[in-house]
Structure formats: structure tokens, C-alpha cells
Protein backbone atom coordinates (compact mmCIF):
# COMPACT_ATOMS: atom_id res chain seq x y z
CA MET A 1 -21.53 -13.98 -64.96
CA LYS A 2 -19.31 -16.69 -63.46
CA ASN A 3 -16.20 -14.49 -63.79
CA THR A 4 -17.96 -11.58 -62.07
CA LEU A 5 -18.93 -13.83 -59.17
CA LYS A 6 -15.35 -15.13 -58.90
CA VAL A 7 -13.95 -11.59 -58.87
CA PHE A 8 -16.47 -10.56 -56.21
CA VAL A 9 -15.67 -13.55 -53.97
CA LEU A 10 -11.93 -12.92 -54.40
CA ALA A 11 -12.35 -9.23 -53.50
CA VAL A 12 -14.32 -10.08 -50.35
CA PHE A 13 -11.66 -12.63 -49.36
CA VAL A 14 -8.84 -10.09 -49.84
CA LEU A 15 -10.72 -7.50 -47.74
CA PHE A 16 -11.23 -10.11 -45.00
CA LEU A 17 -7.50 -10.94 -44.98
CA ASN A 18 -6.63 -7.24 -44.79
CA ASN A 19 -8.86 -6.77 -41.74
CA VAL A 20 -7.40 -9.82 -40.00
CA ALA A 21 -3.82 -8.75 -40.73
CA SER A 22 -4.43 -5.18 -39.62
CA ALA A 23 -5.82 -6.06 -36.16
CA GLN A 24 -3.59 -4.05 -33.87
CA ILE A 25 -2.25 -5.49 -30.65
CA THR A 26 -1.56 -3.44 -27.53
CA LYS A 27 0.97 -4.68 -24.95
CA TYR A 28 1.31 -3.75 -21.30
CA LYS A 29 3.82 -4.82 -18.71
CA CYS A 30 1.79 -5.83 -15.67
CA MET A 31 3.38 -5.75 -12.19
CA ILE A 32 1.61 -7.75 -9.49
CA GLN A 33 2.52 -7.08 -5.83
CA MET A 34 1.24 -9.72 -3.39
CA GLN A 35 0.02 -9.26 0.19
CA ASN A 36 2.23 -10.61 2.98
CA TYR A 37 0.19 -13.79 3.50
CA THR A 38 1.45 -17.09 4.88
CA GLY A 39 1.23 -20.37 3.01
CA LYS A 40 2.15 -21.75 -0.38
CA GLU A 41 2.74 -19.63 -3.45
CA ALA A 42 -0.36 -18.23 -5.15
CA TYR A 43 -1.59 -19.12 -8.59
CA VAL A 44 -2.85 -16.03 -10.43
CA ILE A 45 -4.84 -15.96 -13.66
CA ILE A 46 -5.14 -12.82 -15.81
CA SER A 47 -8.23 -12.97 -18.04
CA LEU A 48 -9.89 -10.71 -20.56
CA MET A 49 -13.58 -10.43 -19.69
CA ASN A 50 -16.11 -9.28 -22.29
CA PRO A 51 -18.68 -6.51 -21.62
CA GLN A 52 -21.20 -9.18 -20.51
CA GLY A 53 -18.81 -10.33 -17.77
CA GLN A 54 -17.87 -13.61 -19.47
CA TYR A 55 -14.39 -14.95 -20.07
CA GLU A 56 -13.04 -14.16 -23.52
CA LYS A 57 -9.36 -15.06 -23.33
CA THR A 58 -6.62 -15.99 -20.87
CA LEU A 59 -3.82 -13.40 -21.00
CA GLY A 60 -1.51 -14.80 -18.32
CA VAL A 61 -1.10 -17.75 -15.95
CA LEU A 62 1.20 -17.45 -12.95
CA GLY A 63 1.50 -21.03 -11.77
CA PRO A 64 3.29 -23.75 -13.70
CA ASP A 65 1.55 -26.97 -12.63
CA GLN A 66 -1.61 -27.78 -14.55
CA GLU A 67 -2.71 -30.15 -11.77
CA TRP A 68 -3.53 -27.11 -9.57
CA TYR A 69 -5.59 -25.19 -12.14
CA ASN A 70 -8.74 -26.73 -10.63
CA THR A 71 -8.14 -24.56 -7.53
CA LEU A 72 -9.31 -21.68 -9.76
CA PRO A 73 -12.64 -23.34 -10.67
CA GLN A 74 -14.38 -20.60 -12.67
CA TRP A 75 -11.40 -19.98 -14.93
CA ASP A 76 -10.57 -23.71 -15.14
CA LYS A 77 -14.08 -24.47 -16.41
CA PHE A 78 -13.72 -21.82 -19.14
CA SER A 79 -10.17 -22.82 -20.10
CA THR A 80 -11.01 -26.53 -20.27
CA LYS A 81 -14.15 -25.92 -22.34
CA LYS A 82 -12.39 -23.55 -24.75
CA LYS A 83 -9.28 -25.77 -24.90
CA GLU A 84 -7.01 -22.76 -24.75
CA LYS A 85 -3.35 -23.14 -25.61
CA LEU A 86 -1.44 -21.67 -22.66
CA ASN A 87 2.06 -22.05 -24.08
CA GLY A 88 3.99 -18.80 -23.82
CA ILE A 89 1.72 -17.17 -21.23
CA THR A 90 2.52 -19.32 -18.19
CA GLY A 91 5.14 -18.69 -15.52
CA ALA A 92 6.04 -19.23 -11.89
CA SER A 93 3.53 -18.83 -9.07
CA ILE A 94 3.99 -15.91 -6.62
CA ALA A 95 4.88 -16.08 -2.92
CA GLY A 96 3.40 -13.85 -0.24
CA GLY A 97 5.03 -10.39 -0.28
CA ALA A 98 6.68 -11.02 -3.66
CA ARG A 99 6.28 -9.26 -6.99
CA ALA A 100 5.89 -10.67 -10.48
CA THR A 101 5.89 -9.02 -13.88
CA ARG A 102 4.09 -10.31 -16.97
CA VAL A 103 3.54 -8.80 -20.40
CA ILE A 104 -0.07 -9.06 -21.49
CA GLU A 105 -1.42 -8.28 -24.93
CA PHE A 106 -4.88 -7.72 -26.35
CA GLU A 107 -6.51 -6.24 -29.43
CA THR A 108 -6.36 -2.44 -29.32
CA ALA A 109 -9.98 -2.28 -30.53
CA LYS A 110 -11.11 -3.69 -27.15
CA LEU A 111 -9.86 -0.61 -25.24
CA ASP A 112 -12.65 1.60 -23.89
CA LYS A 113 -15.35 -0.85 -25.09
CA GLY A 114 -16.56 -2.28 -21.77
CA TYR A 115 -13.98 -5.08 -21.40
CA LYS A 116 -12.18 -5.80 -18.11
CA LEU A 117 -9.02 -7.48 -16.92
CA ARG A 118 -9.72 -9.99 -14.15
CA PHE A 119 -7.07 -11.26 -11.75
CA GLU A 120 -8.07 -14.49 -9.99
CA SER A 121 -5.94 -15.98 -7.24
CA ALA A 122 -5.78 -19.17 -5.20
CA VAL A 123 -3.43 -20.60 -2.60
CA GLU A 124 -3.37 -24.31 -1.77
CA THR A 125 -5.74 -25.15 1.15
CA GLN A 126 -6.76 -21.48 1.41
CA LYS A 127 -9.47 -19.27 -0.09
CA TYR A 128 -10.05 -18.79 -3.83
CA HIS A 129 -10.59 -15.18 -4.96
CA VAL A 130 -12.46 -15.14 -8.27
CA LYS A 131 -12.17 -11.31 -8.51
CA ASP A 132 -9.03 -10.55 -6.54
CA ALA A 133 -8.63 -7.51 -8.79
CA GLU A 134 -10.73 -6.38 -11.73
CA ILE A 135 -9.72 -3.41 -13.85
CA ALA A 136 -11.67 -1.72 -16.63
CA LEU A 137 -9.84 -2.11 -19.94
CA THR A 138 -9.57 1.63 -20.55
CA ALA A 139 -6.57 3.76 -21.38
CA ALA A 140 -7.20 5.85 -18.25
CA ALA A 141 -7.32 2.83 -15.91
CA LEU A 142 -4.19 1.24 -17.41
CA ASP A 143 -2.24 4.51 -17.32
CA ASN A 144 -3.18 5.21 -13.67
CA LYS A 145 0.18 5.44 -11.85
CA ALA A 146 -1.42 4.37 -8.55
CA GLY A 147 -2.55 1.08 -10.08
CA ALA A 148 -5.44 -0.98 -8.73
CA SER A 149 -5.82 -2.68 -5.38
CA GLY A 150 -6.62 -6.34 -4.90
CA THR A 151 -9.11 -7.76 -2.42
CA GLY A 152 -7.43 -11.10 -1.65
CA TYR A 153 -3.80 -12.20 -2.03
CA ILE A 154 -3.00 -9.38 -4.46
CA ARG A 155 -2.02 -6.07 -2.87
CA GLN A 156 -1.69 -4.04 -6.06
CA VAL A 157 -1.54 -4.28 -9.86
CA ARG A 158 0.20 -1.65 -12.01
CA PHE A 159 0.67 -1.31 -15.76
CA ILE A 160 3.28 0.19 -18.07
CA LYS A 161 2.60 0.38 -21.80
CA VAL A 162 5.14 -1.49 -23.92
CA GLN A 163 6.14 0.31 -27.11
């Protein structure tokens, strides 16, 4: 009886490891074009939002100085609470009229399941845009050559699938 239980527990553990190891990751190159605004460079956060509209994961941070993350209060609250490790997904902030490119990655299983990509932006002493751009995490939306328009400092966001 004890050996049967051990074999069963071992089999369940091996199946669990197989599922974890087989989680597929999808990567997209994301190009962000900024509006021609005046002022300091913008900080932009790229987040994965779950179907309930809550933060699930930070995919990209464009803005190197942690001291300014509080200018993006909704994301900062989530990031601080979750204690996310941002190493490897941070980069330079973006000036008005400039472009930036980031590679974002997420689990393939989240495509076409109600998730969204949220782009938040803030500029020192200016307005914070919690939903500067929000794009449905669907193959059709990501493959749209026209991209998606922003409503604040972001003019447009476009995606190219990375092989």
C-alpha cells in the first residue's frame, strides 16, 4: 500500500513538472511611438491585465529610475505589493516624438482568453495616463499592421511577432 501511494505521488509530481516545463512563451517586438509633447521624458509601463481587469504581471518598464515609479500610482501599488523583480525588463524613458522598441513575452495560453496589454504613461509634473493604450491580447489585435492608438503621451503601439 505504501509503495502504491509513493508511485502515485511520484507520477503526479512528474506530470506537474511536465506541464510547467511545457508552458509555451510567445514573444512580440513592441514599437511605441510617442506624441510630440513638451516636457521631460515619459515613463511607460507595459502590463498584462487579467480578464477581470486586474494586474497580473509587468512585461516592460521604460524608465530607469525607481524613485519615479510612484508617478504611475496604480501600477506602483501593484508592483510594490507583488514585489516583482524588474531586472531585464527595464530600459530608458521615452522623449516626446521619439520611438522605443521592447520585446515582451507572455504565456501563449493567455492569447484569446480575455487578457489585455495595458500601457500606462506619466511625465514629471504632467498628467498620468493609467490607460494610455490598452490592447486585447488576441492574435488578431497583435497582428494588426495599423497598430493601436494611445490616448495620452503615446501616439501608437505596433507589434511584430518574434520567431
